[in-house]
Amino acid sequence: MRTLNPSRWVTRLADSFEERGVYVPGIDGGPVQPWREFGWAIVGWIFTIGMFVLFFALAT
C-alpha cells in the first residue's frame, strides 16, 4: 500500500527545479537563473510559508 510522504513531494519538487539545468564549470559569465540556482531555497521558502499559514489556520 502506498503511503503519502510529504518529504518525497518536496524532494520531487526541488529536483524538478534542478532538472531544468545544472551548473557547468567554466560558464560563470551567464546570467543567474533563479529557478536553477536556488531551487532548494525556493522550495524551502514555499514550504515554510505553507506551514506558517497552516499553523495560523489551525490556531483560529
PDB file of N, CA and C in Angstrom:
ATOM      1  N   MET A   1       0.836  -1.179   0.000  1.00  0.00           N
ATOM      2  CA  MET A   1       0.000   0.000   0.000  1.00  0.00           C
ATOM      3  C   MET A   1       0.886   1.250   0.000  1.00  0.00           C
ATOM      4  N   ARG A   2       0.586   2.176  -0.878  1.00  0.00           N
ATOM      5  CA  ARG A   2       1.366   3.409  -0.940  1.00  0.00           C
ATOM      6  C   ARG A   2       0.891   4.377   0.129  1.00  0.00           C
ATOM      7  N   THR A   3       1.842   5.002   0.764  1.00  0.00           N
ATOM      8  CA  THR A   3       1.511   5.998   1.769  1.00  0.00           C
ATOM      9  C   THR A   3       1.892   7.379   1.252  1.00  0.00           C
ATOM     10  N   LEU A   4       1.229   8.392   1.773  1.00  0.00           N
ATOM     11  CA  LEU A   4       1.546   9.756   1.400  1.00  0.00           C
ATOM     12  C   LEU A   4       2.793  10.192   2.154  1.00  0.00           C
ATOM     13  N   ASN A   5       3.751  10.712   1.427  1.00  0.00           N
ATOM     14  CA  ASN A   5       5.005  11.123   2.029  1.00  0.00           C
ATOM     15  C   ASN A   5       5.312  12.561   1.613  1.00  0.00           C
ATOM     16  N   PRO A   6       5.012  13.535   2.473  1.00  0.00           N
ATOM     17  CA  PRO A   6       5.244  14.940   2.110  1.00  0.00           C
ATOM     18  C   PRO A   6       6.697  15.257   1.808  1.00  0.00           C
ATOM     19  N   SER A   7       7.635  14.594   2.480  1.00  0.00           N
ATOM     20  CA  SER A   7       9.048  14.889   2.191  1.00  0.00           C
ATOM     21  C   SER A   7       9.413  14.447   0.780  1.00  0.00           C
ATOM     22  N   ARG A   8       8.788  13.397   0.280  1.00  0.00           N
ATOM     23  CA  ARG A   8       9.037  12.968  -1.092  1.00  0.00           C
ATOM     24  C   ARG A   8       8.498  14.003  -2.075  1.00  0.00           C
ATOM     25  N   TRP A   9       7.367  14.617  -1.739  1.00  0.00           N
ATOM     26  CA  TRP A   9       6.806  15.664  -2.607  1.00  0.00           C
ATOM     27  C   TRP A   9       7.756  16.851  -2.687  1.00  0.00           C
ATOM     28  N   VAL A  10       8.302  17.250  -1.533  1.00  0.00           N
ATOM     29  CA  VAL A  10       9.226  18.386  -1.504  1.00  0.00           C
ATOM     30  C   VAL A  10      10.492  18.054  -2.291  1.00  0.00           C
ATOM     31  N   THR A  11      11.005  16.846  -2.105  1.00  0.00           N
ATOM     32  CA  THR A  11      12.203  16.432  -2.832  1.00  0.00           C
ATOM     33  C   THR A  11      11.948  16.397  -4.327  1.00  0.00           C
ATOM     34  N   ARG A  12      10.810  15.880  -4.733  1.00  0.00           N
ATOM     35  CA  ARG A  12      10.477  15.812  -6.149  1.00  0.00           C
ATOM     36  C   ARG A  12      10.327  17.204  -6.761  1.00  0.00           C
ATOM     37  N   LEU A  13       9.748  18.134  -5.997  1.00  0.00           N
ATOM     38  CA  LEU A  13       9.586  19.496  -6.471  1.00  0.00           C
ATOM     39  C   LEU A  13      10.940  20.173  -6.648  1.00  0.00           C
ATOM     40  N   ALA A  14      11.823  20.020  -5.679  1.00  0.00           N
ATOM     41  CA  ALA A  14      13.161  20.613  -5.787  1.00  0.00           C
ATOM     42  C   ALA A  14      13.945  19.983  -6.933  1.00  0.00           C
ATOM     43  N   ASP A  15      13.817  18.681  -7.113  1.00  0.00           N
ATOM     44  CA  ASP A  15      14.505  18.020  -8.212  1.00  0.00           C
ATOM     45  C   ASP A  15      14.006  18.509  -9.565  1.00  0.00           C
ATOM     46  N   SER A  16      12.724  18.828  -9.657  1.00  0.00           N
ATOM     47  CA  SER A  16      12.205  19.338 -10.930  1.00  0.00           C
ATOM     48  C   SER A  16      12.831  20.682 -11.269  1.00  0.00           C
ATOM     49  N   PHE A  17      13.118  21.508 -10.242  1.00  0.00           N
ATOM     50  CA  PHE A  17      13.810  22.766 -10.489  1.00  0.00           C
ATOM     51  C   PHE A  17      15.239  22.513 -10.975  1.00  0.00           C
ATOM     52  N   GLU A  18      15.900  21.543 -10.356  1.00  0.00           N
ATOM     53  CA  GLU A  18      17.288  21.273 -10.692  1.00  0.00           C
ATOM     54  C   GLU A  18      17.427  20.589 -12.051  1.00  0.00           C
ATOM     55  N   GLU A  19      16.405  19.863 -12.497  1.00  0.00           N
ATOM     56  CA  GLU A  19      16.472  19.201 -13.792  1.00  0.00           C
ATOM     57  C   GLU A  19      16.454  20.186 -14.956  1.00  0.00           C
ATOM     58  N   ARG A  20      16.005  21.393 -14.698  1.00  0.00           N
ATOM     59  CA  ARG A  20      15.966  22.399 -15.765  1.00  0.00           C
ATOM     60  C   ARG A  20      17.358  22.812 -16.199  1.00  0.00           C
ATOM     61  N   GLY A  21      18.341  22.517 -15.425  1.00  0.00           N
ATOM     62  CA  GLY A  21      19.713  22.851 -15.782  1.00  0.00           C
ATOM     63  C   GLY A  21      20.647  22.563 -14.633  1.00  0.00           C
ATOM     64  N   VAL A  22      21.892  22.365 -14.983  1.00  0.00           N
ATOM     65  CA  VAL A  22      22.894  22.099 -13.969  1.00  0.00           C
ATOM     66  C   VAL A  22      24.057  23.059 -14.142  1.00  0.00           C
ATOM     67  N   TYR A  23      24.768  23.279 -13.085  1.00  0.00           N
ATOM     68  CA  TYR A  23      25.930  24.149 -13.131  1.00  0.00           C
ATOM     69  C   TYR A  23      27.024  23.493 -13.964  1.00  0.00           C
ATOM     70  N   VAL A  24      27.573  24.238 -14.892  1.00  0.00           N
ATOM     71  CA  VAL A  24      28.666  23.751 -15.713  1.00  0.00           C
ATOM     72  C   VAL A  24      29.887  24.603 -15.392  1.00  0.00           C
ATOM     73  N   PRO A  25      30.949  23.998 -14.860  1.00  0.00           N
ATOM     74  CA  PRO A  25      32.144  24.779 -14.550  1.00  0.00           C
ATOM     75  C   PRO A  25      32.683  25.476 -15.797  1.00  0.00           C
ATOM     76  N   GLY A  26      33.116  26.709 -15.616  1.00  0.00           N
ATOM     77  CA  GLY A  26      33.675  27.466 -16.729  1.00  0.00           C
ATOM     78  C   GLY A  26      32.674  28.391 -17.390  1.00  0.00           C
ATOM     79  N   ILE A  27      31.392  28.243 -17.086  1.00  0.00           N
ATOM     80  CA  ILE A  27      30.375  29.119 -17.669  1.00  0.00           C
ATOM     81  C   ILE A  27      29.828  29.995 -16.544  1.00  0.00           C
ATOM     82  N   ASP A  28      30.683  30.873 -16.037  1.00  0.00           N
ATOM     83  CA  ASP A  28      30.280  31.744 -14.944  1.00  0.00           C
ATOM     84  C   ASP A  28      29.809  33.099 -15.432  1.00  0.00           C
ATOM     85  N   GLY A  29      29.965  33.391 -16.715  1.00  0.00           N
ATOM     86  CA  GLY A  29      29.625  34.708 -17.228  1.00  0.00           C
ATOM     87  C   GLY A  29      28.155  34.874 -17.563  1.00  0.00           C
ATOM     88  N   GLY A  30      27.378  33.815 -17.512  1.00  0.00           N
ATOM     89  CA  GLY A  30      25.965  33.899 -17.885  1.00  0.00           C
ATOM     90  C   GLY A  30      25.122  34.513 -16.792  1.00  0.00           C
ATOM     91  N   PRO A  31      23.895  34.855 -17.133  1.00  0.00           N
ATOM     92  CA  PRO A  31      23.004  35.434 -16.135  1.00  0.00           C
ATOM     93  C   PRO A  31      22.575  34.382 -15.103  1.00  0.00           C
ATOM     94  N   VAL A  32      22.248  34.847 -13.924  1.00  0.00           N
ATOM     95  CA  VAL A  32      21.777  33.952 -12.860  1.00  0.00           C
ATOM     96  C   VAL A  32      20.348  33.530 -13.189  1.00  0.00           C
ATOM     97  N   GLN A  33      20.099  32.244 -13.139  1.00  0.00           N
ATOM     98  CA  GLN A  33      18.762  31.705 -13.372  1.00  0.00           C
ATOM     99  C   GLN A  33      18.224  31.214 -12.031  1.00  0.00           C
ATOM    100  N   PRO A  34      17.333  31.997 -11.401  1.00  0.00           N
ATOM    101  CA  PRO A  34      16.924  31.666 -10.026  1.00  0.00           C
ATOM    102  C   PRO A  34      16.271  30.304  -9.875  1.00  0.00           C
ATOM    103  N   TRP A  35      15.501  29.852 -10.832  1.00  0.00           N
ATOM    104  CA  TRP A  35      14.844  28.551 -10.686  1.00  0.00           C
ATOM    105  C   TRP A  35      15.863  27.433 -10.694  1.00  0.00           C
ATOM    106  N   ARG A  36      16.974  27.623 -11.410  1.00  0.00           N
ATOM    107  CA  ARG A  36      18.003  26.603 -11.453  1.00  0.00           C
ATOM    108  C   ARG A  36      18.964  26.724 -10.282  1.00  0.00           C
ATOM    109  N   GLU A  37      19.383  27.930  -9.982  1.00  0.00           N
ATOM    110  CA  GLU A  37      20.410  28.145  -8.975  1.00  0.00           C
ATOM    111  C   GLU A  37      19.883  27.986  -7.548  1.00  0.00           C
ATOM    112  N   PHE A  38      18.645  28.394  -7.311  1.00  0.00           N
ATOM    113  CA  PHE A  38      18.124  28.440  -5.950  1.00  0.00           C
ATOM    114  C   PHE A  38      16.878  27.570  -5.780  1.00  0.00           C
ATOM    115  N   GLY A  39      16.818  26.436  -6.465  1.00  0.00           N
ATOM    116  CA  GLY A  39      15.645  25.562  -6.400  1.00  0.00           C
ATOM    117  C   GLY A  39      15.296  25.127  -4.994  1.00  0.00           C
ATOM    118  N   TRP A  40      16.299  24.670  -4.232  1.00  0.00           N
ATOM    119  CA  TRP A  40      16.039  24.204  -2.868  1.00  0.00           C
ATOM    120  C   TRP A  40      15.601  25.340  -1.968  1.00  0.00           C
ATOM    121  N   ALA A  41      16.187  26.520  -2.160  1.00  0.00           N
ATOM    122  CA  ALA A  41      15.802  27.666  -1.336  1.00  0.00           C
ATOM    123  C   ALA A  41      14.360  28.084  -1.625  1.00  0.00           C
ATOM    124  N   ILE A  42      13.974  28.047  -2.886  1.00  0.00           N
ATOM    125  CA  ILE A  42      12.603  28.417  -3.266  1.00  0.00           C
ATOM    126  C   ILE A  42      11.614  27.409  -2.685  1.00  0.00           C
ATOM    127  N   VAL A  43      11.930  26.128  -2.799  1.00  0.00           N
ATOM    128  CA  VAL A  43      11.044  25.097  -2.241  1.00  0.00           C
ATOM    129  C   VAL A  43      10.954  25.237  -0.723  1.00  0.00           C
ATOM    130  N   GLY A  44      12.072  25.511  -0.071  1.00  0.00           N
ATOM    131  CA  GLY A  44      12.049  25.710   1.378  1.00  0.00           C
ATOM    132  C   GLY A  44      11.209  26.904   1.776  1.00  0.00           C
ATOM    133  N   TRP A  45      11.312  27.967   1.021  1.00  0.00           N
ATOM    134  CA  TRP A  45      10.532  29.175   1.304  1.00  0.00           C
ATOM    135  C   TRP A  45       9.040  28.896   1.131  1.00  0.00           C
ATOM    136  N   ILE A  46       8.653  28.242   0.047  1.00  0.00           N
ATOM    137  CA  ILE A  46       7.245  27.910  -0.193  1.00  0.00           C
ATOM    138  C   ILE A  46       6.726  26.993   0.917  1.00  0.00           C
ATOM    139  N   PHE A  47       7.518  26.005   1.307  1.00  0.00           N
ATOM    140  CA  PHE A  47       7.119  25.077   2.366  1.00  0.00           C
ATOM    141  C   PHE A  47       6.949  25.815   3.696  1.00  0.00           C
ATOM    142  N   THR A  48       7.873  26.724   4.021  1.00  0.00           N
ATOM    143  CA  THR A  48       7.793  27.484   5.266  1.00  0.00           C
ATOM    144  C   THR A  48       6.562  28.367   5.305  1.00  0.00           C
ATOM    145  N   ILE A  49       6.278  29.052   4.213  1.00  0.00           N
ATOM    146  CA  ILE A  49       5.089  29.898   4.140  1.00  0.00           C
ATOM    147  C   ILE A  49       3.826  29.041   4.294  1.00  0.00           C
ATOM    148  N   GLY A  50       3.813  27.881   3.651  1.00  0.00           N
ATOM    149  CA  GLY A  50       2.664  26.979   3.772  1.00  0.00           C
ATOM    150  C   GLY A  50       2.441  26.502   5.200  1.00  0.00           C
ATOM    151  N   MET A  51       3.530  26.154   5.896  1.00  0.00           N
ATOM    152  CA  MET A  51       3.401  25.713   7.286  1.00  0.00           C
ATOM    153  C   MET A  51       2.954  26.866   8.181  1.00  0.00           C
ATOM    154  N   PHE A  52       3.434  28.071   7.913  1.00  0.00           N
ATOM    155  CA  PHE A  52       3.037  29.259   8.664  1.00  0.00           C
ATOM    156  C   PHE A  52       1.542  29.502   8.523  1.00  0.00           C
ATOM    157  N   VAL A  53       1.034  29.450   7.284  1.00  0.00           N
ATOM    158  CA  VAL A  53      -0.398  29.654   7.034  1.00  0.00           C
ATOM    159  C   VAL A  53      -1.205  28.533   7.680  1.00  0.00           C
ATOM    160  N   LEU A  54      -0.752  27.299   7.544  1.00  0.00           N
ATOM    161  CA  LEU A  54      -1.466  26.163   8.134  1.00  0.00           C
ATOM    162  C   LEU A  54      -1.512  26.265   9.662  1.00  0.00           C
ATOM    163  N   PHE A  55      -0.421  26.680  10.273  1.00  0.00           N
ATOM    164  CA  PHE A  55      -0.386  26.835  11.731  1.00  0.00           C
ATOM    165  C   PHE A  55      -1.435  27.837  12.194  1.00  0.00           C
ATOM    166  N   PHE A  56      -1.509  29.002  11.553  1.00  0.00           N
ATOM    167  CA  PHE A  56      -2.461  30.009  11.975  1.00  0.00           C
ATOM    168  C   PHE A  56      -3.894  29.655  11.587  1.00  0.00           C
ATOM    169  N   ALA A  57      -4.057  28.880  10.526  1.00  0.00           N
ATOM    170  CA  ALA A  57      -5.401  28.432  10.168  1.00  0.00           C
ATOM    171  C   ALA A  57      -5.935  27.452  11.220  1.00  0.00           C
ATOM    172  N   LEU A  58      -5.069  26.599  11.723  1.00  0.00           N
ATOM    173  CA  LEU A  58      -5.495  25.651  12.751  1.00  0.00           C
ATOM    174  C   LEU A  58      -5.616  26.308  14.127  1.00  0.00           C
ATOM    175  N   ALA A  59      -4.896  27.405  14.331  1.00  0.00           N
ATOM    176  CA  ALA A  59      -4.924  28.074  15.627  1.00  0.00           C
ATOM    177  C   ALA A  59      -6.222  28.873  15.830  1.00  0.00           C
ATOM    178  N   THR A  60      -6.880  29.248  14.739  1.00  0.00           N
ATOM    179  CA  THR A  60      -8.097  30.063  14.893  1.00  0.00           C
ATOM    180  C   THR A  60      -9.313  29.226  15.132  1.00  0.00           C
TER     181      THR A  60
END
